[in-house]
Amino acid sequence: MTNKKLAFVSFEKANRKFRGFLSMEVALGGDKEPEVILHKATEIYEYGLTKMASIIDIIKTARANRKLVPARKIWQLGNAIFKFLDELEELGLEIDGIYDHLTRDLGVKRKWLEKVIIFRRYLPYIKMIPESLNWGRCEKGTRRVAERLKSGLPLS
């Protein structure tokens, strides 16, 4: 993530696709073509949602079958969110109300999504997470668990 000022973009579902909206500063900025930026941003959003939704489907299937959800699968979802936000940032954009957008378009609860993002934020590499660790051990006290994993400390 950079410290440069990013312009806001938002998305709304229109039929089976999404329609993007740019802030006025981008539309009036003049140095870039807003239509091109908006088209790219919408493609990034739709692709990112598809990737995230497929991971969420795996998680929901595991839960429906009463199986433990691997913590690494949650990390992968968080990583997909980070990658998609990085791609938007490369266009000079950030989503206006990221949690509102993702909870609406992915059909997940905000609090759960916040935990997913916290888990990924504190653990930059999937290798930091033991393959045998399930999400249930991480969901309560997510930041504390992630910090312990990052430091190489055992979970108590």
Protein backbone atom coordinates (compact mmCIF):
# COMPACT_ATOMS: atom_id res chain seq x y z
CA MET A 1 0.00 0.00 0.00
CA THR A 2 1.25 3.42 -0.87
CA ASN A 3 0.71 6.79 0.73
CA LYS A 4 -0.48 8.49 -2.44
CA LYS A 5 -3.99 9.89 -2.46
CA LEU A 6 -6.40 7.45 -4.03
CA ALA A 7 -9.68 8.35 -5.67
CA PHE A 8 -12.86 6.59 -4.62
CA VAL A 9 -14.76 4.12 -6.75
CA SER A 10 -17.98 2.30 -5.94
CA PHE A 11 -19.91 -0.49 -7.62
CA GLU A 12 -23.57 -1.39 -7.93
CA LYS A 13 -25.08 -4.51 -9.40
CA ALA A 14 -26.85 -3.94 -12.70
CA ASN A 15 -28.48 -7.09 -14.03
CA ARG A 16 -25.76 -9.75 -13.76
CA LYS A 17 -22.84 -7.35 -14.07
CA PHE A 18 -21.59 -4.43 -12.03
CA ARG A 19 -21.59 -0.76 -12.84
CA GLY A 20 -18.79 1.36 -11.45
CA PHE A 21 -18.94 4.96 -10.31
CA LEU A 22 -15.92 7.22 -9.96
CA SER A 23 -15.52 10.19 -7.70
CA MET A 24 -15.77 13.61 -9.33
CA GLU A 25 -12.05 14.27 -8.88
CA VAL A 26 -11.24 11.43 -11.29
CA ALA A 27 -13.90 12.44 -13.79
CA LEU A 28 -12.69 16.03 -13.78
CA GLY A 29 -8.99 15.26 -13.24
CA GLY A 30 -8.19 15.30 -16.93
CA ASP A 31 -4.91 13.36 -16.86
CA LYS A 32 -6.56 9.95 -17.34
CA GLU A 33 -9.58 8.78 -19.28
CA PRO A 34 -12.30 8.04 -16.73
CA GLU A 35 -14.10 5.54 -19.01
CA VAL A 36 -10.96 3.42 -19.38
CA ILE A 37 -10.22 3.51 -15.65
CA LEU A 38 -13.82 2.66 -14.81
CA HIS A 39 -13.87 -0.27 -17.24
CA LYS A 40 -10.65 -1.70 -15.78
CA ALA A 41 -11.84 -1.17 -12.21
CA THR A 42 -15.12 -2.95 -12.93
CA GLU A 43 -13.27 -5.90 -14.47
CA ILE A 44 -11.01 -6.10 -11.41
CA TYR A 45 -14.03 -5.98 -9.09
CA GLU A 46 -15.95 -8.67 -10.96
CA TYR A 47 -12.94 -10.97 -11.23
CA GLY A 48 -12.06 -10.43 -7.57
CA LEU A 49 -15.62 -11.22 -6.48
CA THR A 50 -15.60 -14.41 -8.55
CA LYS A 51 -12.35 -15.54 -6.94
CA MET A 52 -13.56 -14.67 -3.43
CA ALA A 53 -16.96 -16.30 -3.97
CA SER A 54 -15.35 -19.56 -5.05
CA ILE A 55 -13.28 -19.66 -1.84
CA ILE A 56 -16.37 -18.82 0.23
CA ASP A 57 -18.25 -21.67 -1.48
CA ILE A 58 -15.53 -24.10 -0.36
CA ILE A 59 -15.78 -22.75 3.20
CA LYS A 60 -19.60 -23.01 3.21
CA THR A 61 -19.48 -26.54 1.83
CA ALA A 62 -17.07 -27.62 4.56
CA ARG A 63 -19.33 -26.10 7.21
CA ALA A 64 -22.44 -27.69 5.70
CA ASN A 65 -20.70 -31.07 5.80
CA ARG A 66 -19.68 -30.40 9.41
CA LYS A 67 -16.00 -30.42 8.53
CA LEU A 68 -13.37 -28.15 10.00
CA VAL A 69 -12.43 -25.16 7.88
CA PRO A 70 -8.66 -24.92 7.41
CA ALA A 71 -7.21 -21.62 8.63
CA ARG A 72 -5.21 -21.53 5.40
CA LYS A 73 -8.46 -21.37 3.40
CA ILE A 74 -9.47 -18.25 5.36
CA TRP A 75 -6.02 -16.79 4.71
CA GLN A 76 -6.50 -17.44 0.98
CA LEU A 77 -9.76 -15.49 1.05
CA GLY A 78 -8.05 -12.60 2.83
CA ASN A 79 -5.20 -12.74 0.35
CA ALA A 80 -7.65 -12.59 -2.57
CA ILE A 81 -9.12 -9.42 -1.02
CA PHE A 82 -5.64 -7.89 -0.59
CA LYS A 83 -4.66 -8.70 -4.20
CA PHE A 84 -7.83 -7.20 -5.56
CA LEU A 85 -7.37 -4.03 -3.48
CA ASP A 86 -3.76 -3.78 -4.70
CA GLU A 87 -4.92 -4.02 -8.32
CA LEU A 88 -7.39 -1.18 -7.77
CA GLU A 89 -4.67 0.83 -6.07
CA GLU A 90 -2.49 0.45 -9.17
CA LEU A 91 -5.25 2.33 -11.00
CA GLY A 92 -5.15 5.02 -8.30
CA LEU A 93 -8.46 3.87 -6.81
CA GLU A 94 -9.87 2.57 -3.56
CA ILE A 95 -13.38 1.32 -2.89
CA ASP A 96 -15.63 3.69 -1.02
CA GLY A 97 -16.94 1.45 1.78
CA ILE A 98 -15.06 -1.81 1.14
CA TYR A 99 -16.86 -3.75 3.88
CA ASP A 100 -20.27 -2.56 2.69
CA HIS A 101 -19.47 -3.63 -0.86
CA LEU A 102 -18.07 -7.04 0.01
CA THR A 103 -20.73 -7.98 2.55
CA ARG A 104 -23.44 -7.03 0.07
CA ASP A 105 -21.90 -8.76 -2.95
CA LEU A 106 -20.48 -11.84 -1.23
CA GLY A 107 -23.35 -12.41 1.19
CA VAL A 108 -21.17 -12.65 4.29
CA LYS A 109 -21.34 -10.94 7.65
CA ARG A 110 -19.21 -7.89 8.24
CA LYS A 111 -17.73 -9.08 11.55
CA TRP A 112 -16.59 -12.34 9.94
CA LEU A 113 -15.09 -10.47 7.00
CA GLU A 114 -13.24 -8.15 9.38
CA LYS A 115 -11.68 -11.21 11.05
CA VAL A 116 -10.65 -12.63 7.68
CA ILE A 117 -8.89 -9.38 6.79
CA ILE A 118 -7.24 -9.08 10.22
CA PHE A 119 -5.96 -12.66 9.92
CA ARG A 120 -4.42 -11.96 6.51
CA ARG A 121 -3.06 -8.54 7.52
CA TYR A 122 -1.01 -9.99 10.37
CA LEU A 123 0.13 -13.07 8.43
CA PRO A 124 1.79 -12.05 5.17
CA TYR A 125 2.70 -15.65 4.21
CA ILE A 126 0.50 -18.73 4.21
CA LYS A 127 3.49 -20.80 5.36
CA MET A 128 3.16 -19.14 8.77
CA ILE A 129 -0.06 -21.11 9.32
CA PRO A 130 0.23 -24.81 10.23
CA GLU A 131 -1.61 -26.99 7.72
CA SER A 132 -3.43 -28.72 10.56
CA LEU A 133 -4.79 -25.50 12.09
CA ASN A 134 -8.52 -24.99 11.69
CA TRP A 135 -10.29 -21.65 11.58
CA GLY A 136 -12.26 -22.39 14.75
CA ARG A 137 -9.02 -22.04 16.75
CA CYS A 138 -8.40 -18.61 15.19
CA GLU A 139 -11.83 -17.04 14.97
CA LYS A 140 -11.97 -15.84 18.56
CA GLY A 141 -9.08 -13.48 19.28
CA THR A 142 -8.07 -13.43 15.62
CA ARG A 143 -5.41 -10.74 15.93
CA ARG A 144 -3.83 -12.35 19.00
CA VAL A 145 -3.73 -15.76 17.28
CA ALA A 146 -2.26 -14.25 14.10
CA GLU A 147 0.41 -12.38 16.08
CA ARG A 148 1.38 -15.61 17.88
CA LEU A 149 1.62 -17.48 14.58
CA LYS A 150 3.69 -14.69 13.04
CA SER A 151 6.07 -14.77 16.00
CA GLY A 152 6.35 -18.55 15.77
CA LEU A 153 4.80 -19.01 19.21
CA PRO A 154 2.54 -21.99 19.89
CA LEU A 155 -1.17 -21.43 20.34
CA SER A 156 -2.19 -22.05 23.93
